Every structure is written in C-alpha cells, then in structure tokens.
Amino acid sequence: MSAVLRDPSGWWAAAAAQGNAMLQQAWAAAGEGLGPEDRADGTALTLAPVYPAPGVEALLITLPPPQAPTECHYIALVRAAGQPPRYFVAERGIEGEGGAQRAYWAEWRFSPGGGIMRMRGADLPAISPEAFVAAAVASCGAAPPAPQAAPWQGSRPNTPAKVNRVGLFLGAGCFTLFLFVASIGGYLLYQEEGRGLHVPDTEVASVAIEPDKPFQIQFKWDGTGYAFNNVWLVVDEGTTSGANFKVGGNVSCSRGSRAEKVDASLTRYGAHNVERKSGAGFSAWLYLMDEYEHSSSRPIECSGVIAPTEGTWTKARIVVTQRQRPSDWFAQ
C-alpha cells in the first residue's frame, strides 16, 4: 500500500512488465525475520489485469486466504477516465449469524492533512473478485453530478409580496432541525471516514525505551465494541542523519498477534507532530503498529526491540493510544 500510494502511476507502469515479481519481492520483505510457522504461503500470489467497464481498467491481486478479520482477500488498483489509480482492498469481516463469512471493501488514500487514511465501504454481496471489483468501480464513479440551478420562482422586481409568517416559523424550525442532524451526521462521518486511523490521540500507556533494549508495555481496551490500539515511538529528543531519522525492529502483542517487523521514519506517512529543532534536533510521533481488539477486562501486553537505523535518540517512549470509529463501537 505504501509503495503504491507514493507513486500510483509509476507502480502501475512497472507492474505491467514485472507485477508478479514485484509482489513476490514485497511479500518476502514483509516476512523477513519471521519463522516458517508465522509466514503465509505467498507462492500463489497473482496479479491480473481486468477491464470491468468501458474506460475503466484494474489490476487485481489475489492474496492467500485471510485468517482473521481485517486481513485481505484481494487488492485492486482501479484507474478510470485517465485518473491516477486508486487503491482498494476486500477485507474479511467479523462473522455473521451462524458463522456466515462476511467481507467488505475499503479504500486507502491520502487524507486532507497529508496522512493516509482508510475509507471503509459497505459489505460485499459475495466474496468474489467480480463483486469486489464492481464495488470499487462503483466507488470511483460515485460522485453525484453538480446540482443545476432551478428557475427563479420569486416575485418580479418592484412587485410587493405577501409574507406567510407561519410558513416562515415552520421553515426556520425545519431548517434548524436539518442543521442539527447534518452537524451530527457530519461529525460521525468525519470520525468514521475523514479522520485517519493512525493519528496521535490521548495516551493510555507510556514507557521509556532505549535503543536495542527489550521493552514491555501493558494496557486495556475495556470500552464498547472494538478499538484500534495504536503503538507509537515518541521521540522527545532526537537527532537526524542527513535530514532523516529511521528505526527498525520487531513488536508483538499478547492477544495472539504475530511479531511484526517495524520500519518507520520521518519521511513516511506514519510520522506525526514532527518538530524540527536547532541543528539536526527533532521530536516526533512515529507509528509502529496497531492491535485491533474487542473489549475485554484482560490486559494487552506489547513487547519488542527497536533501534535507530539512521540518526539517534537520547529520550524516547513507547506510547499506546486508542482510536475508535462509530462502526467499531457497534461491532460485535
């Protein structure tokens, strides 16, 4: 996703010649440092061009079958009407009644603030490439036409008009109610789709960290429904090297997640609250990973080892924040 969003047209052009090789390289890089028991078999990864509608073309990537919610069945790059390709995924959903399998589409894109956000779509009518691509294509063409001005129905110039005050009062009341509903709806829409998933928020846990030394941090999500428990490296006092700072390492959490290789820097989408200081100094929040979990009284414990690969830090913390969308509150 990061590689595609950095240069969608360039990635598309390269994929035309060596798409399957690019997939295998990305898959191998993502699995570096993991044992065989923690790797999914990527030998069956495929990339295929499809032409779902006139003037629309797509690259469909089929992934290994997902084992848990939010893991992906498919990825699609969709290019319509000469526009840059857009990045869609078909994610496994939480099982429905009787264990029925569910999937929904989502889109990853740049947010107005410059970060990357995930726009969740509706459930797919079927877990199939055809249903997924059709939903992605519909999203690309979902913008409504611009409204046309209606003919003027008011009074002619210099013609006195009667005022129906009852109508004015009723209209004002209805307009006020409309504004209230629109404000609530707009706020919920912003929380659901407009605000990024991985953005700094209220700290629920924090622990000091040193380079190449193991850390542990414990916290709970005991609210309602699900939440994204975002794990950050907060560099309070750091120094760049060549105007950049990078960290690498591995982080895992206790509720069954596998150790994840982390790779973050000041120049990638996961950098927030970056403050450049005198000389090469800086402070910043760097997103490492998240743990999407259902409410429970059981604590979650994350641990790992990370260290700078470019630049240094003299004071840093591992911080956990929690982010919940309206749909996560209702999720079961």
Protein backbone atom coordinates (compact mmCIF):
# COMPACT_ATOMS: atom_id res chain seq x y z
CA MET A 1 0.00 0.00 0.00
CA SER A 2 2.75 2.47 0.93
CA ALA A 3 4.64 1.84 -2.31
CA VAL A 4 1.51 2.23 -4.45
CA LEU A 5 0.33 5.44 -2.78
CA ARG A 6 3.77 7.04 -3.05
CA ASP A 7 3.63 6.74 -6.85
CA PRO A 8 0.43 5.05 -8.11
CA SER A 9 1.04 5.72 -11.81
CA GLY A 10 4.66 4.62 -11.60
CA TRP A 11 3.74 1.43 -9.72
CA TRP A 12 1.06 0.66 -12.32
CA ALA A 13 3.52 1.11 -15.19
CA ALA A 14 6.13 -1.13 -13.53
CA ALA A 15 3.51 -3.78 -12.74
CA ALA A 16 2.65 -4.09 -16.43
CA ALA A 17 6.10 -5.56 -17.04
CA GLN A 18 7.03 -7.25 -13.76
CA GLY A 19 3.99 -7.22 -11.49
CA ASN A 20 4.25 -10.77 -10.17
CA ALA A 21 7.96 -10.36 -9.43
CA MET A 22 7.20 -7.12 -7.55
CA LEU A 23 4.59 -8.94 -5.45
CA GLN A 24 6.97 -11.73 -4.52
CA GLN A 25 9.68 -9.22 -3.55
CA ALA A 26 7.23 -7.26 -1.35
CA TRP A 27 5.94 -10.47 0.24
CA ALA A 28 9.47 -11.68 1.03
CA ALA A 29 10.42 -8.29 2.52
CA ALA A 30 7.31 -8.26 4.73
CA GLY A 31 8.18 -11.68 6.11
CA GLU A 32 11.83 -11.03 6.91
CA GLY A 33 12.70 -12.10 10.44
CA LEU A 34 9.63 -14.35 10.86
CA GLY A 35 9.83 -18.09 11.43
CA PRO A 36 8.24 -20.54 8.97
CA GLU A 37 5.26 -21.04 11.31
CA ASP A 38 4.46 -17.32 11.12
CA ARG A 39 4.63 -16.97 7.34
CA ALA A 40 1.67 -17.33 4.99
CA ASP A 41 2.42 -19.10 1.72
CA GLY A 42 2.81 -16.39 -0.91
CA THR A 43 3.72 -18.60 -3.84
CA ALA A 44 0.15 -18.38 -5.16
CA LEU A 45 0.06 -14.56 -5.23
CA THR A 46 -1.28 -13.40 -8.58
CA LEU A 47 -1.73 -10.09 -10.36
CA ALA A 48 -4.05 -9.89 -13.35
CA PRO A 49 -5.42 -7.03 -15.47
CA VAL A 50 -9.21 -6.80 -15.70
CA TYR A 51 -11.47 -4.47 -17.69
CA PRO A 52 -14.70 -4.17 -15.71
CA ALA A 53 -16.32 -1.28 -17.60
CA PRO A 54 -15.76 0.96 -20.63
CA GLY A 55 -12.93 3.39 -19.89
CA VAL A 56 -12.03 1.58 -16.66
CA GLU A 57 -9.16 -0.82 -16.08
CA ALA A 58 -7.94 -2.54 -12.95
CA LEU A 59 -5.11 -4.66 -11.61
CA LEU A 60 -6.46 -7.41 -9.36
CA ILE A 61 -4.17 -9.01 -6.77
CA THR A 62 -5.31 -12.27 -5.15
CA LEU A 63 -3.84 -12.91 -1.69
CA PRO A 64 -3.63 -16.04 0.48
CA PRO A 65 -6.96 -16.70 2.25
CA PRO A 66 -7.32 -14.38 5.26
CA GLN A 67 -7.32 -15.99 8.70
CA ALA A 68 -8.68 -13.11 10.81
CA PRO A 69 -10.89 -10.01 10.43
CA THR A 70 -9.36 -7.04 8.54
CA GLU A 71 -6.97 -9.34 6.64
CA CYS A 72 -7.48 -9.05 2.89
CA HIS A 73 -8.91 -11.39 0.27
CA TYR A 74 -7.98 -9.15 -2.67
CA ILE A 75 -6.36 -5.86 -3.63
CA ALA A 76 -7.40 -3.82 -6.67
CA LEU A 77 -5.84 -0.81 -8.32
CA VAL A 78 -8.58 0.89 -10.32
CA ARG A 79 -7.90 3.52 -12.99
CA ALA A 80 -10.87 5.33 -14.52
CA ALA A 81 -11.11 8.12 -17.11
CA GLY A 82 -7.38 8.77 -17.23
CA GLN A 83 -7.18 9.47 -13.48
CA PRO A 84 -4.36 8.12 -11.26
CA PRO A 85 -5.01 4.59 -9.97
CA ARG A 86 -6.86 4.23 -6.66
CA TYR A 87 -6.06 1.53 -4.07
CA PHE A 88 -8.88 -0.74 -2.84
CA VAL A 89 -8.93 -3.84 -0.62
CA ALA A 90 -11.51 -6.53 0.14
CA GLU A 91 -11.20 -7.27 3.85
CA ARG A 92 -12.53 -10.19 5.82
CA GLY A 93 -15.28 -9.07 8.20
CA ILE A 94 -16.47 -10.38 11.52
CA GLU A 95 -18.60 -13.50 11.02
CA GLY A 96 -22.35 -13.01 10.83
CA GLU A 97 -25.12 -15.12 12.29
CA GLY A 98 -24.44 -18.84 12.15
CA GLY A 99 -20.79 -18.24 11.27
CA ALA A 100 -21.58 -16.74 7.85
CA GLN A 101 -18.47 -15.29 6.21
CA ARG A 102 -18.53 -11.57 5.50
CA ALA A 103 -16.27 -9.24 3.55
CA TYR A 104 -16.35 -5.54 2.80
CA TRP A 105 -14.41 -3.19 0.59
CA ALA A 106 -12.23 -0.29 1.74
CA GLU A 107 -10.01 2.30 0.11
CA TRP A 108 -6.65 3.63 1.28
CA ARG A 109 -5.94 7.22 0.25
CA PHE A 110 -4.24 10.41 1.37
CA SER A 111 -6.17 12.48 3.90
CA PRO A 112 -6.56 16.27 3.62
CA GLY A 113 -3.90 16.67 6.30
CA GLY A 114 -1.34 14.70 4.28
CA GLY A 115 -1.50 11.40 6.19
CA ILE A 116 -3.00 8.16 4.91
CA MET A 117 -6.49 7.07 5.89
CA ARG A 118 -8.66 4.03 5.29
CA MET A 119 -12.18 4.64 3.95
CA ARG A 120 -14.41 1.69 4.87
CA GLY A 121 -17.11 0.74 2.39
CA ALA A 122 -20.17 -1.49 2.53
CA ASP A 123 -20.31 -5.28 2.82
CA LEU A 124 -19.79 -7.12 -0.46
CA PRO A 125 -22.75 -9.11 -1.79
CA ALA A 126 -20.37 -12.03 -2.39
CA ILE A 127 -16.75 -12.82 -1.55
CA SER A 128 -15.53 -12.89 -5.13
CA PRO A 129 -13.21 -10.87 -7.37
CA GLU A 130 -16.16 -9.82 -9.52
CA ALA A 131 -18.19 -8.42 -6.61
CA PHE A 132 -15.15 -6.65 -5.17
CA VAL A 133 -14.05 -5.02 -8.42
CA ALA A 134 -17.65 -3.97 -9.17
CA ALA A 135 -17.84 -2.22 -5.77
CA ALA A 136 -14.51 -0.47 -6.33
CA VAL A 137 -15.54 0.69 -9.80
CA ALA A 138 -18.85 1.98 -8.40
CA SER A 139 -16.92 3.97 -5.79
CA CYS A 140 -14.76 5.56 -8.47
CA GLY A 141 -17.89 6.77 -10.25
CA ALA A 142 -19.95 7.58 -7.17
CA ALA A 143 -19.58 11.39 -7.24
CA PRO A 144 -23.02 12.91 -7.90
CA PRO A 145 -23.47 15.44 -10.73
CA ALA A 146 -23.32 19.11 -9.81
CA PRO A 147 -26.77 20.47 -8.93
CA GLN A 148 -28.43 22.63 -11.55
CA ALA A 149 -29.98 25.97 -10.61
CA ALA A 150 -33.77 25.87 -10.52
CA PRO A 151 -35.77 28.53 -12.40
CA TRP A 152 -36.43 31.65 -10.35
CA GLN A 153 -39.86 31.38 -8.71
CA GLY A 154 -39.85 34.58 -6.66
CA SER A 155 -41.75 37.82 -7.23
CA ARG A 156 -40.93 40.19 -10.05
CA PRO A 157 -38.93 43.35 -9.28
CA ASN A 158 -40.92 46.15 -7.72
CA THR A 159 -43.84 43.79 -7.01
CA PRO A 160 -44.79 43.64 -3.32
CA ALA A 161 -45.06 40.12 -1.98
CA LYS A 162 -47.16 38.82 0.88
CA VAL A 163 -45.32 37.15 3.74
CA ASN A 164 -46.73 33.98 5.31
CA ARG A 165 -45.28 34.22 8.84
CA VAL A 166 -46.50 30.74 9.85
CA GLY A 167 -44.57 29.33 6.92
CA LEU A 168 -41.50 31.31 7.96
CA PHE A 169 -41.62 29.94 11.52
CA LEU A 170 -42.14 26.36 10.30
CA GLY A 171 -39.39 26.76 7.74
CA ALA A 172 -36.98 28.15 10.33
CA GLY A 173 -37.74 25.28 12.70
CA CYS A 174 -37.24 22.67 9.99
CA PHE A 175 -34.01 24.35 8.89
CA THR A 176 -32.69 24.37 12.46
CA LEU A 177 -33.51 20.67 12.82
CA PHE A 178 -31.83 19.99 9.48
CA LEU A 179 -28.68 21.82 10.59
CA PHE A 180 -28.62 19.86 13.85
CA VAL A 181 -29.00 16.50 12.09
CA ALA A 182 -26.46 17.49 9.42
CA SER A 183 -23.96 18.56 12.08
CA ILE A 184 -24.29 15.25 13.96
CA GLY A 185 -24.11 13.29 10.71
CA GLY A 186 -21.09 15.24 9.54
CA TYR A 187 -19.29 14.65 12.82
CA LEU A 188 -19.98 10.91 12.70
CA LEU A 189 -18.88 10.74 9.06
CA TYR A 190 -15.65 12.54 9.92
CA GLN A 191 -14.96 10.15 12.82
CA GLU A 192 -15.74 7.14 10.58
CA GLU A 193 -14.01 8.06 7.34
CA GLY A 194 -12.41 11.50 7.41
CA ARG A 195 -10.11 11.15 10.41
CA GLY A 196 -7.19 8.81 9.96
CA LEU A 197 -6.96 5.56 11.89
CA HIS A 198 -3.36 6.06 12.89
CA VAL A 199 -3.26 9.56 14.33
CA PRO A 200 -1.94 10.64 17.74
CA ASP A 201 -4.62 10.74 20.43
CA THR A 202 -4.92 10.54 24.21
CA GLU A 203 -2.18 8.40 25.76
CA VAL A 204 -3.40 5.32 27.63
CA ALA A 205 0.04 3.89 28.39
CA SER A 206 3.66 5.04 28.13
CA VAL A 207 7.05 3.55 28.93
CA ALA A 208 10.60 4.84 28.39
CA ILE A 209 12.70 2.98 25.82
CA GLU A 210 16.39 2.62 24.98
CA PRO A 211 17.89 1.51 21.64
CA ASP A 212 18.30 -2.26 21.24
CA LYS A 213 16.88 -2.98 24.71
CA PRO A 214 13.64 -5.01 25.13
CA PHE A 215 10.58 -3.09 26.24
CA GLN A 216 7.15 -4.13 27.57
CA ILE A 217 4.01 -2.03 27.83
CA GLN A 218 0.62 -3.09 29.22
CA PHE A 219 -2.81 -1.53 28.69
CA LYS A 220 -6.52 -2.41 28.38
CA TRP A 221 -9.35 -1.84 25.98
CA ASP A 222 -12.45 -2.31 28.12
CA GLY A 223 -14.82 0.06 26.34
CA THR A 224 -17.64 -0.97 23.98
CA GLY A 225 -17.04 -2.89 20.75
CA TYR A 226 -13.67 -2.80 19.03
CA ALA A 227 -10.85 -0.25 19.00
CA PHE A 228 -7.52 0.34 17.27
CA ASN A 229 -4.78 0.28 19.93
CA ASN A 230 -2.05 2.24 18.15
CA VAL A 231 1.56 1.70 19.24
CA TRP A 232 3.93 4.65 18.74
CA LEU A 233 7.56 5.52 19.18
CA VAL A 234 7.53 9.06 20.58
CA VAL A 235 10.96 10.65 20.20
CA ASP A 236 11.14 13.55 22.63
CA GLU A 237 14.79 14.32 21.92
CA GLY A 238 16.35 13.01 18.72
CA THR A 239 18.96 13.84 16.10
CA THR A 240 18.61 13.27 12.36
CA SER A 241 21.24 11.96 9.98
CA GLY A 242 21.14 13.54 6.54
CA ALA A 243 17.82 15.26 7.45
CA ASN A 244 16.16 11.91 8.19
CA PHE A 245 15.61 9.52 11.07
CA LYS A 246 14.66 5.84 10.79
CA VAL A 247 14.00 3.00 13.21
CA GLY A 248 13.65 -0.73 12.73
CA GLY A 249 12.89 -3.75 14.86
CA ASN A 250 10.12 -6.15 15.87
CA VAL A 251 6.99 -5.66 18.01
CA SER A 252 4.37 -8.19 19.11
CA CYS A 253 1.28 -8.03 21.34
CA SER A 254 -0.13 -10.65 23.72
CA ARG A 255 -3.58 -11.39 22.29
CA GLY A 256 -2.37 -13.81 19.68
CA SER A 257 -0.72 -11.45 17.18
CA ARG A 258 2.50 -12.43 15.49
CA ALA A 259 5.68 -10.40 15.86
CA GLU A 260 5.65 -7.65 13.27
CA LYS A 261 8.67 -6.11 11.65
CA VAL A 262 8.51 -2.33 12.09
CA ASP A 263 10.20 0.21 9.85
CA ALA A 264 9.35 3.89 10.41
CA SER A 265 10.91 7.22 9.51
CA LEU A 266 10.31 10.96 9.50
CA THR A 267 9.66 10.94 5.74
CA ARG A 268 6.86 8.34 5.70
CA TYR A 269 3.12 8.67 6.24
CA GLY A 270 3.32 7.40 9.84
CA ALA A 271 5.23 10.44 11.10
CA HIS A 272 3.15 12.97 13.08
CA ASN A 273 3.78 16.05 15.22
CA VAL A 274 7.24 16.47 13.72
CA GLU A 275 9.08 19.44 15.22
CA ARG A 276 12.47 20.40 13.80
CA LYS A 277 14.80 21.92 16.38
CA SER A 278 18.13 23.70 16.24
CA GLY A 279 20.83 21.91 14.31
CA ALA A 280 19.74 18.35 13.49
CA GLY A 281 17.45 18.02 16.52
CA PHE A 282 13.81 17.00 16.27
CA SER A 283 10.86 15.48 18.12
CA ALA A 284 8.09 13.37 16.54
CA TRP A 285 5.49 10.60 16.88
CA LEU A 286 6.26 7.57 14.66
CA TYR A 287 3.51 4.98 14.11
CA LEU A 288 4.74 1.40 14.57
CA MET A 289 1.67 -0.90 14.50
CA ASP A 290 -1.84 -1.38 15.87
CA GLU A 291 -3.75 -4.08 17.71
CA TYR A 292 -7.44 -4.13 16.66
CA GLU A 293 -9.19 -5.75 19.62
CA HIS A 294 -12.63 -6.32 21.13
CA SER A 295 -13.45 -5.03 24.60
CA SER A 296 -12.12 -7.23 27.39
CA SER A 297 -11.03 -6.97 31.01
CA ARG A 298 -7.89 -8.89 30.11
CA PRO A 299 -4.83 -6.64 29.68
CA ILE A 300 -2.93 -6.45 26.42
CA GLU A 301 0.85 -6.53 26.63
CA CYS A 302 3.11 -5.46 23.78
CA SER A 303 6.85 -6.05 23.72
CA GLY A 304 9.74 -5.83 21.34
CA VAL A 305 13.10 -4.36 20.47
CA ILE A 306 13.68 -1.37 18.21
CA ALA A 307 16.67 0.84 17.44
CA PRO A 308 17.58 3.71 15.10
CA THR A 309 18.97 2.79 11.69
CA GLU A 310 19.50 6.44 10.74
CA GLY A 311 20.02 9.15 13.35
CA THR A 312 19.85 8.76 17.15
CA TRP A 313 17.63 9.49 20.11
CA THR A 314 18.52 10.47 23.66
CA LYS A 315 14.97 10.43 25.06
CA ALA A 316 12.10 8.35 23.69
CA ARG A 317 8.97 6.46 24.79
CA ILE A 318 6.69 3.71 23.58
CA VAL A 319 3.15 5.11 23.76
CA VAL A 320 -0.24 3.45 23.19
CA THR A 321 -3.28 5.46 22.08
CA GLN A 322 -6.75 4.18 21.24
CA ARG A 323 -8.89 5.12 18.24
CA GLN A 324 -12.50 4.00 17.78
CA ARG A 325 -14.80 4.75 14.85
CA PRO A 326 -18.60 4.74 15.21
CA SER A 327 -18.76 1.40 13.36
CA ASP A 328 -16.25 -0.11 15.80
CA TRP A 329 -18.50 0.86 18.71
CA PHE A 330 -21.35 -1.22 17.27
CA ALA A 331 -19.18 -4.11 16.05
CA GLN A 332 -19.73 -7.46 17.81
